[in-house]
């Protein structure tokens, strides 16, 4: 739910920046894929990005626990990105 969409973005020429609560952490997907977190939510601003990819699975549930992620995603909707 992350790997293939992220690869498609990369093949289309986009840079992927992973965001979570803390930069430098590694998260492991359901199928064992390990992804290193590039930036913390406190280090990024929606205006710096063209698109937002939220993987499926359990990720959205975890993100809902922190209002800063909801506000970040809401900015993409408001900016019609």
PDB file of N, CA and C in Angstrom:
ATOM      1  N   UNK A   1       0.811  -1.189   0.000  1.00  0.00           N
ATOM      2  CA  UNK A   1       0.000   0.000   0.000  1.00  0.00           C
ATOM      3  C   UNK A   1       0.858   1.257   0.000  1.00  0.00           C
ATOM      4  N   UNK A   2       2.148   1.093   0.197  1.00  0.00           N
ATOM      5  CA  UNK A   2       3.078   2.223   0.094  1.00  0.00           C
ATOM      6  C   UNK A   2       4.032   2.026  -1.075  1.00  0.00           C
ATOM      7  N   UNK A   3       4.598   0.841  -1.172  1.00  0.00           N
ATOM      8  CA  UNK A   3       5.697   0.589  -2.104  1.00  0.00           C
ATOM      9  C   UNK A   3       5.337   0.897  -3.554  1.00  0.00           C
ATOM     10  N   UNK A   4       4.247   0.335  -4.050  1.00  0.00           N
ATOM     11  CA  UNK A   4       3.896   0.542  -5.455  1.00  0.00           C
ATOM     12  C   UNK A   4       3.498   1.984  -5.759  1.00  0.00           C
ATOM     13  N   UNK A   5       2.649   2.628  -4.949  1.00  0.00           N
ATOM     14  CA  UNK A   5       2.360   4.042  -5.236  1.00  0.00           C
ATOM     15  C   UNK A   5       3.608   4.927  -5.147  1.00  0.00           C
ATOM     16  N   UNK A   6       4.457   4.682  -4.155  1.00  0.00           N
ATOM     17  CA  UNK A   6       5.684   5.478  -4.028  1.00  0.00           C
ATOM     18  C   UNK A   6       6.575   5.279  -5.246  1.00  0.00           C
ATOM     19  N   UNK A   7       6.685   4.065  -5.723  1.00  0.00           N
ATOM     20  CA  UNK A   7       7.491   3.775  -6.906  1.00  0.00           C
ATOM     21  C   UNK A   7       6.925   4.490  -8.133  1.00  0.00           C
ATOM     22  N   UNK A   8       5.600   4.512  -8.255  1.00  0.00           N
ATOM     23  CA  UNK A   8       4.971   5.209  -9.383  1.00  0.00           C
ATOM     24  C   UNK A   8       5.272   6.705  -9.339  1.00  0.00           C
ATOM     25  N   UNK A   9       5.239   7.287  -8.152  1.00  0.00           N
ATOM     26  CA  UNK A   9       5.591   8.700  -8.016  1.00  0.00           C
ATOM     27  C   UNK A   9       7.044   8.919  -8.437  1.00  0.00           C
ATOM     28  N   UNK A  10       7.939   8.062  -7.991  1.00  0.00           N
ATOM     29  CA  UNK A  10       9.360   8.194  -8.343  1.00  0.00           C
ATOM     30  C   UNK A  10       9.565   8.068  -9.849  1.00  0.00           C
ATOM     31  N   UNK A  11       8.906   7.092 -10.463  1.00  0.00           N
ATOM     32  CA  UNK A  11       9.040   6.888 -11.912  1.00  0.00           C
ATOM     33  C   UNK A  11       8.497   8.074 -12.702  1.00  0.00           C
ATOM     34  N   UNK A  12       7.563   8.813 -12.110  1.00  0.00           N
ATOM     35  CA  UNK A  12       7.012  10.003 -12.755  1.00  0.00           C
ATOM     36  C   UNK A  12       7.883  11.240 -12.502  1.00  0.00           C
ATOM     37  N   UNK A  13       9.000  11.046 -11.784  1.00  0.00           N
ATOM     38  CA  UNK A  13       9.946  12.132 -11.572  1.00  0.00           C
ATOM     39  C   UNK A  13       9.792  12.903 -10.274  1.00  0.00           C
ATOM     40  N   UNK A  14       8.981  12.390  -9.367  1.00  0.00           N
ATOM     41  CA  UNK A  14       8.764  13.084  -8.102  1.00  0.00           C
ATOM     42  C   UNK A  14       9.715  12.568  -7.017  1.00  0.00           C
ATOM     43  N   UNK A  15      10.024  13.432  -6.080  1.00  0.00           N
ATOM     44  CA  UNK A  15      10.812  13.055  -4.910  1.00  0.00           C
ATOM     45  C   UNK A  15       9.846  12.624  -3.814  1.00  0.00           C
ATOM     46  N   UNK A  16      10.160  11.551  -3.125  1.00  0.00           N
ATOM     47  CA  UNK A  16       9.348  11.062  -2.023  1.00  0.00           C
ATOM     48  C   UNK A  16      10.019  11.477  -0.713  1.00  0.00           C
ATOM     49  N   UNK A  17       9.269  12.143   0.148  1.00  0.00           N
ATOM     50  CA  UNK A  17       9.752  12.499   1.481  1.00  0.00           C
ATOM     51  C   UNK A  17       8.782  11.873   2.471  1.00  0.00           C
ATOM     52  N   UNK A  18       9.289  10.977   3.297  1.00  0.00           N
ATOM     53  CA  UNK A  18       8.430  10.315   4.270  1.00  0.00           C
ATOM     54  C   UNK A  18       8.354  11.147   5.543  1.00  0.00           C
ATOM     55  N   UNK A  19       7.156  11.177   6.131  1.00  0.00           N
ATOM     56  CA  UNK A  19       6.892  12.018   7.302  1.00  0.00           C
ATOM     57  C   UNK A  19       6.231  11.175   8.376  1.00  0.00           C
ATOM     58  N   UNK A  20       6.659  11.368   9.610  1.00  0.00           N
ATOM     59  CA  UNK A  20       6.035  10.711  10.762  1.00  0.00           C
ATOM     60  C   UNK A  20       6.246  11.617  11.970  1.00  0.00           C
ATOM     61  N   UNK A  21       6.021  11.098  13.136  1.00  0.00           N
ATOM     62  CA  UNK A  21       6.169  11.904  14.354  1.00  0.00           C
ATOM     63  C   UNK A  21       7.614  12.297  14.611  1.00  0.00           C
ATOM     64  N   UNK A  22       8.554  11.441  14.200  1.00  0.00           N
ATOM     65  CA  UNK A  22       9.969  11.724  14.447  1.00  0.00           C
ATOM     66  C   UNK A  22      10.791  11.299  13.236  1.00  0.00           C
ATOM     67  N   UNK A  23      11.691  12.164  12.801  1.00  0.00           N
ATOM     68  CA  UNK A  23      12.562  11.829  11.678  1.00  0.00           C
ATOM     69  C   UNK A  23      13.616  10.813  12.113  1.00  0.00           C
ATOM     70  N   UNK A  24      14.120  10.071  11.151  1.00  0.00           N
ATOM     71  CA  UNK A  24      15.169   9.093  11.424  1.00  0.00           C
ATOM     72  C   UNK A  24      14.665   7.726  11.841  1.00  0.00           C
ATOM     73  N   UNK A  25      13.412   7.642  12.278  1.00  0.00           N
ATOM     74  CA  UNK A  25      12.850   6.340  12.649  1.00  0.00           C
ATOM     75  C   UNK A  25      12.668   5.464  11.416  1.00  0.00           C
ATOM     76  N   UNK A  26      12.499   4.208  11.643  1.00  0.00           N
ATOM     77  CA  UNK A  26      12.151   3.275  10.577  1.00  0.00           C
ATOM     78  C   UNK A  26      10.811   2.647  10.925  1.00  0.00           C
ATOM     79  N   UNK A  27       9.952   2.530   9.922  1.00  0.00           N
ATOM     80  CA  UNK A  27       8.669   1.869  10.111  1.00  0.00           C
ATOM     81  C   UNK A  27       8.648   0.626   9.231  1.00  0.00           C
ATOM     82  N   UNK A  28       7.996  -0.409   9.709  1.00  0.00           N
ATOM     83  CA  UNK A  28       7.929  -1.670   8.988  1.00  0.00           C
ATOM     84  C   UNK A  28       6.496  -1.928   8.567  1.00  0.00           C
ATOM     85  N   UNK A  29       6.309  -2.163   7.287  1.00  0.00           N
ATOM     86  CA  UNK A  29       4.992  -2.458   6.754  1.00  0.00           C
ATOM     87  C   UNK A  29       4.562  -3.879   7.055  1.00  0.00           C
ATOM     88  N   UNK A  30       3.313  -4.149   6.761  1.00  0.00           N
ATOM     89  CA  UNK A  30       2.723  -5.457   7.027  1.00  0.00           C
ATOM     90  C   UNK A  30       3.487  -6.587   6.331  1.00  0.00           C
ATOM     91  N   UNK A  31       4.042  -6.302   5.162  1.00  0.00           N
ATOM     92  CA  UNK A  31       4.767  -7.337   4.409  1.00  0.00           C
ATOM     93  C   UNK A  31       6.271  -7.261   4.623  1.00  0.00           C
ATOM     94  N   UNK A  32       6.693  -6.504   5.643  1.00  0.00           N
ATOM     95  CA  UNK A  32       8.103  -6.473   6.002  1.00  0.00           C
ATOM     96  C   UNK A  32       8.927  -5.369   5.367  1.00  0.00           C
ATOM     97  N   UNK A  33       8.324  -4.552   4.538  1.00  0.00           N
ATOM     98  CA  UNK A  33       9.056  -3.454   3.923  1.00  0.00           C
ATOM     99  C   UNK A  33       9.424  -2.432   5.001  1.00  0.00           C
ATOM    100  N   UNK A  34      10.687  -2.045   5.026  1.00  0.00           N
ATOM    101  CA  UNK A  34      11.167  -1.060   5.994  1.00  0.00           C
ATOM    102  C   UNK A  34      11.354   0.272   5.281  1.00  0.00           C
ATOM    103  N   UNK A  35      10.793   1.324   5.859  1.00  0.00           N
ATOM    104  CA  UNK A  35      10.876   2.665   5.281  1.00  0.00           C
ATOM    105  C   UNK A  35      11.456   3.601   6.335  1.00  0.00           C
ATOM    106  N   UNK A  36      12.497   4.325   5.950  1.00  0.00           N
ATOM    107  CA  UNK A  36      13.102   5.298   6.864  1.00  0.00           C
ATOM    108  C   UNK A  36      12.340   6.619   6.761  1.00  0.00           C
ATOM    109  N   UNK A  37      12.066   7.225   7.897  1.00  0.00           N
ATOM    110  CA  UNK A  37      11.346   8.487   7.958  1.00  0.00           C
ATOM    111  C   UNK A  37      12.320   9.639   7.739  1.00  0.00           C
ATOM    112  N   UNK A  38      12.020  10.473   6.745  1.00  0.00           N
ATOM    113  CA  UNK A  38      12.902  11.586   6.393  1.00  0.00           C
ATOM    114  C   UNK A  38      12.723  12.804   7.285  1.00  0.00           C
ATOM    115  N   UNK A  39      11.473  13.145   7.588  1.00  0.00           N
ATOM    116  CA  UNK A  39      11.179  14.386   8.319  1.00  0.00           C
ATOM    117  C   UNK A  39      10.103  14.128   9.367  1.00  0.00           C
ATOM    118  N   UNK A  40      10.147  14.909  10.432  1.00  0.00           N
ATOM    119  CA  UNK A  40       9.069  14.859  11.406  1.00  0.00           C
ATOM    120  C   UNK A  40       7.967  15.816  10.934  1.00  0.00           C
ATOM    121  N   UNK A  41       6.765  15.610  11.411  1.00  0.00           N
ATOM    122  CA  UNK A  41       5.643  16.479  11.038  1.00  0.00           C
ATOM    123  C   UNK A  41       5.928  17.925  11.437  1.00  0.00           C
ATOM    124  N   UNK A  42       6.738  18.138  12.457  1.00  0.00           N
ATOM    125  CA  UNK A  42       7.084  19.493  12.903  1.00  0.00           C
ATOM    126  C   UNK A  42       8.091  20.191  11.994  1.00  0.00           C
ATOM    127  N   UNK A  43       8.725  19.439  11.100  1.00  0.00           N
ATOM    128  CA  UNK A  43       9.746  20.003  10.216  1.00  0.00           C
ATOM    129  C   UNK A  43       9.221  20.360   8.828  1.00  0.00           C
ATOM    130  N   UNK A  44       7.964  20.058   8.550  1.00  0.00           N
ATOM    131  CA  UNK A  44       7.451  20.232   7.189  1.00  0.00           C
ATOM    132  C   UNK A  44       6.259  21.188   7.157  1.00  0.00           C
ATOM    133  N   UNK A  45       6.009  21.718   5.966  1.00  0.00           N
ATOM    134  CA  UNK A  45       4.883  22.621   5.736  1.00  0.00           C
ATOM    135  C   UNK A  45       4.187  22.184   4.449  1.00  0.00           C
ATOM    136  N   UNK A  46       2.871  22.114   4.435  1.00  0.00           N
ATOM    137  CA  UNK A  46       2.149  21.670   3.238  1.00  0.00           C
ATOM    138  C   UNK A  46       2.518  22.458   1.981  1.00  0.00           C
ATOM    139  N   UNK A  47       2.833  23.730   2.124  1.00  0.00           N
ATOM    140  CA  UNK A  47       3.177  24.557   0.961  1.00  0.00           C
ATOM    141  C   UNK A  47       4.424  24.064   0.242  1.00  0.00           C
ATOM    142  N   UNK A  48       5.243  23.274   0.918  1.00  0.00           N
ATOM    143  CA  UNK A  48       6.480  22.764   0.324  1.00  0.00           C
ATOM    144  C   UNK A  48       6.266  21.534  -0.541  1.00  0.00           C
ATOM    145  N   UNK A  49       5.027  21.047  -0.626  1.00  0.00           N
ATOM    146  CA  UNK A  49       4.737  19.796  -1.324  1.00  0.00           C
ATOM    147  C   UNK A  49       3.679  19.989  -2.402  1.00  0.00           C
ATOM    148  N   UNK A  50       3.773  19.154  -3.445  1.00  0.00           N
ATOM    149  CA  UNK A  50       2.801  19.180  -4.530  1.00  0.00           C
ATOM    150  C   UNK A  50       1.684  18.163  -4.327  1.00  0.00           C
ATOM    151  N   UNK A  51       1.963  17.109  -3.585  1.00  0.00           N
ATOM    152  CA  UNK A  51       0.990  16.026  -3.415  1.00  0.00           C
ATOM    153  C   UNK A  51       1.213  15.352  -2.066  1.00  0.00           C
ATOM    154  N   UNK A  52       0.199  14.604  -1.655  1.00  0.00           N
ATOM    155  CA  UNK A  52       0.258  13.868  -0.396  1.00  0.00           C
ATOM    156  C   UNK A  52      -0.199  12.441  -0.652  1.00  0.00           C
ATOM    157  N   UNK A  53       0.607  11.484  -0.252  1.00  0.00           N
ATOM    158  CA  UNK A  53       0.272  10.068  -0.358  1.00  0.00           C
ATOM    159  C   UNK A  53       0.161   9.514   1.053  1.00  0.00           C
ATOM    160  N   UNK A  54      -1.016   9.054   1.405  1.00  0.00           N
ATOM    161  CA  UNK A  54      -1.211   8.402   2.697  1.00  0.00           C
ATOM    162  C   UNK A  54      -1.464   6.932   2.408  1.00  0.00           C
ATOM    163  N   UNK A  55      -0.529   6.063   2.784  1.00  0.00           N
ATOM    164  CA  UNK A  55      -0.719   4.635   2.521  1.00  0.00           C
ATOM    165  C   UNK A  55      -1.956   4.109   3.234  1.00  0.00           C
ATOM    166  N   UNK A  56      -2.496   3.055   2.699  1.00  0.00           N
ATOM    167  CA  UNK A  56      -3.663   2.432   3.320  1.00  0.00           C
ATOM    168  C   UNK A  56      -3.254   1.599   4.520  1.00  0.00           C
ATOM    169  N   UNK A  57      -4.056   0.615   4.829  1.00  0.00           N
ATOM    170  CA  UNK A  57      -3.762  -0.245   5.966  1.00  0.00           C
ATOM    171  C   UNK A  57      -4.000   0.475   7.273  1.00  0.00           C
ATOM    172  N   UNK A  58      -3.104   0.288   8.195  1.00  0.00           N
ATOM    173  CA  UNK A  58      -3.242   0.820   9.550  1.00  0.00           C
ATOM    174  C   UNK A  58      -2.735   2.257   9.672  1.00  0.00           C
ATOM    175  N   UNK A  59      -1.996   2.731   8.677  1.00  0.00           N
ATOM    176  CA  UNK A  59      -1.396   4.073   8.740  1.00  0.00           C
ATOM    177  C   UNK A  59      -2.394   5.185   9.041  1.00  0.00           C
ATOM    178  N   UNK A  60      -3.530   5.265   8.341  1.00  0.00           N
ATOM    179  CA  UNK A  60      -4.459   6.359   8.641  1.00  0.00           C
ATOM    180  C   UNK A  60      -4.945   6.354  10.092  1.00  0.00           C
ATOM    181  N   UNK A  61      -5.136   5.178  10.662  1.00  0.00           N
ATOM    182  CA  UNK A  61      -5.559   5.104  12.063  1.00  0.00           C
ATOM    183  C   UNK A  61      -4.511   5.718  12.986  1.00  0.00           C
ATOM    184  N   UNK A  62      -3.253   5.432  12.727  1.00  0.00           N
ATOM    185  CA  UNK A  62      -2.178   5.984  13.547  1.00  0.00           C
ATOM    186  C   UNK A  62      -2.068   7.498  13.382  1.00  0.00           C
ATOM    187  N   UNK A  63      -2.258   7.967  12.159  1.00  0.00           N
ATOM    188  CA  UNK A  63      -2.142   9.402  11.904  1.00  0.00           C
ATOM    189  C   UNK A  63      -3.270  10.188  12.572  1.00  0.00           C
ATOM    190  N   UNK A  64      -4.435   9.599  12.685  1.00  0.00           N
ATOM    191  CA  UNK A  64      -5.572  10.290  13.305  1.00  0.00           C
ATOM    192  C   UNK A  64      -5.338  10.577  14.785  1.00  0.00           C
ATOM    193  N   UNK A  65      -4.393   9.894  15.396  1.00  0.00           N
ATOM    194  CA  UNK A  65      -4.111  10.095  16.818  1.00  0.00           C
ATOM    195  C   UNK A  65      -3.431  11.433  17.104  1.00  0.00           C
ATOM    196  N   UNK A  66      -2.908  12.080  16.079  1.00  0.00           N
ATOM    197  CA  UNK A  66      -2.175  13.331  16.245  1.00  0.00           C
ATOM    198  C   UNK A  66      -2.806  14.385  15.335  1.00  0.00           C
ATOM    199  N   UNK A  67      -3.372  15.427  15.932  1.00  0.00           N
ATOM    200  CA  UNK A  67      -4.074  16.459  15.167  1.00  0.00           C
ATOM    201  C   UNK A  67      -3.194  17.149  14.123  1.00  0.00           C
ATOM    202  N   UNK A  68      -1.881  17.193  14.346  1.00  0.00           N
ATOM    203  CA  UNK A  68      -1.011  17.885  13.386  1.00  0.00           C
ATOM    204  C   UNK A  68      -1.026  17.196  12.027  1.00  0.00           C
ATOM    205  N   UNK A  69      -1.208  15.880  11.996  1.00  0.00           N
ATOM    206  CA  UNK A  69      -1.299  15.174  10.720  1.00  0.00           C
ATOM    207  C   UNK A  69      -2.609  15.506  10.010  1.00  0.00           C
ATOM    208  N   UNK A  70      -3.683  15.611  10.774  1.00  0.00           N
ATOM    209  CA  UNK A  70      -4.967  15.982  10.187  1.00  0.00           C
ATOM    210  C   UNK A  70      -4.935  17.379   9.605  1.00  0.00           C
ATOM    211  N   UNK A  71      -4.308  18.306  10.321  1.00  0.00           N
ATOM    212  CA  UNK A  71      -4.184  19.675   9.829  1.00  0.00           C
ATOM    213  C   UNK A  71      -3.318  19.729   8.573  1.00  0.00           C
ATOM    214  N   UNK A  72      -2.263  18.927   8.553  1.00  0.00           N
ATOM    215  CA  UNK A  72      -1.376  18.857   7.390  1.00  0.00           C
ATOM    216  C   UNK A  72      -2.169  18.384   6.173  1.00  0.00           C
ATOM    217  N   UNK A  73      -2.921  17.299   6.321  1.00  0.00           N
ATOM    218  CA  UNK A  73      -3.716  16.753   5.217  1.00  0.00           C
ATOM    219  C   UNK A  73      -4.819  17.725   4.804  1.00  0.00           C
ATOM    220  N   UNK A  74      -5.435  18.382   5.759  1.00  0.00           N
ATOM    221  CA  UNK A  74      -6.512  19.330   5.483  1.00  0.00           C
ATOM    222  C   UNK A  74      -6.011  20.475   4.595  1.00  0.00           C
ATOM    223  N   UNK A  75      -4.779  20.898   4.809  1.00  0.00           N
ATOM    224  CA  UNK A  75      -4.205  21.977   3.999  1.00  0.00           C
ATOM    225  C   UNK A  75      -4.126  21.578   2.526  1.00  0.00           C
ATOM    226  N   UNK A  76      -3.875  20.315   2.240  1.00  0.00           N
ATOM    227  CA  UNK A  76      -3.815  19.853   0.850  1.00  0.00           C
ATOM    228  C   UNK A  76      -5.195  19.952   0.198  1.00  0.00           C
ATOM    229  N   UNK A  77      -6.225  19.624   0.961  1.00  0.00           N
ATOM    230  CA  UNK A  77      -7.589  19.711   0.447  1.00  0.00           C
ATOM    231  C   UNK A  77      -7.963  21.168   0.209  1.00  0.00           C
ATOM    232  N   UNK A  78      -7.647  22.013   1.171  1.00  0.00           N
ATOM    233  CA  UNK A  78      -7.980  23.437   1.036  1.00  0.00           C
ATOM    234  C   UNK A  78      -7.250  24.084  -0.129  1.00  0.00           C
ATOM    235  N   UNK A  79      -6.022  23.628  -0.385  1.00  0.00           N
ATOM    236  CA  UNK A  79      -5.228  24.179  -1.497  1.00  0.00           C
ATOM    237  C   UNK A  79      -5.497  23.455  -2.823  1.00  0.00           C
ATOM    238  N   UNK A  80      -6.467  22.533  -2.791  1.00  0.00           N
ATOM    239  CA  UNK A  80      -6.857  21.737  -3.960  1.00  0.00           C
ATOM    240  C   UNK A  80      -5.684  21.010  -4.596  1.00  0.00           C
ATOM    241  N   UNK A  81      -4.863  20.419  -3.741  1.00  0.00           N
ATOM    242  CA  UNK A  81      -3.714  19.634  -4.224  1.00  0.00           C
ATOM    243  C   UNK A  81      -4.107  18.176  -4.286  1.00  0.00           C
TER     244      UNK A  81
END
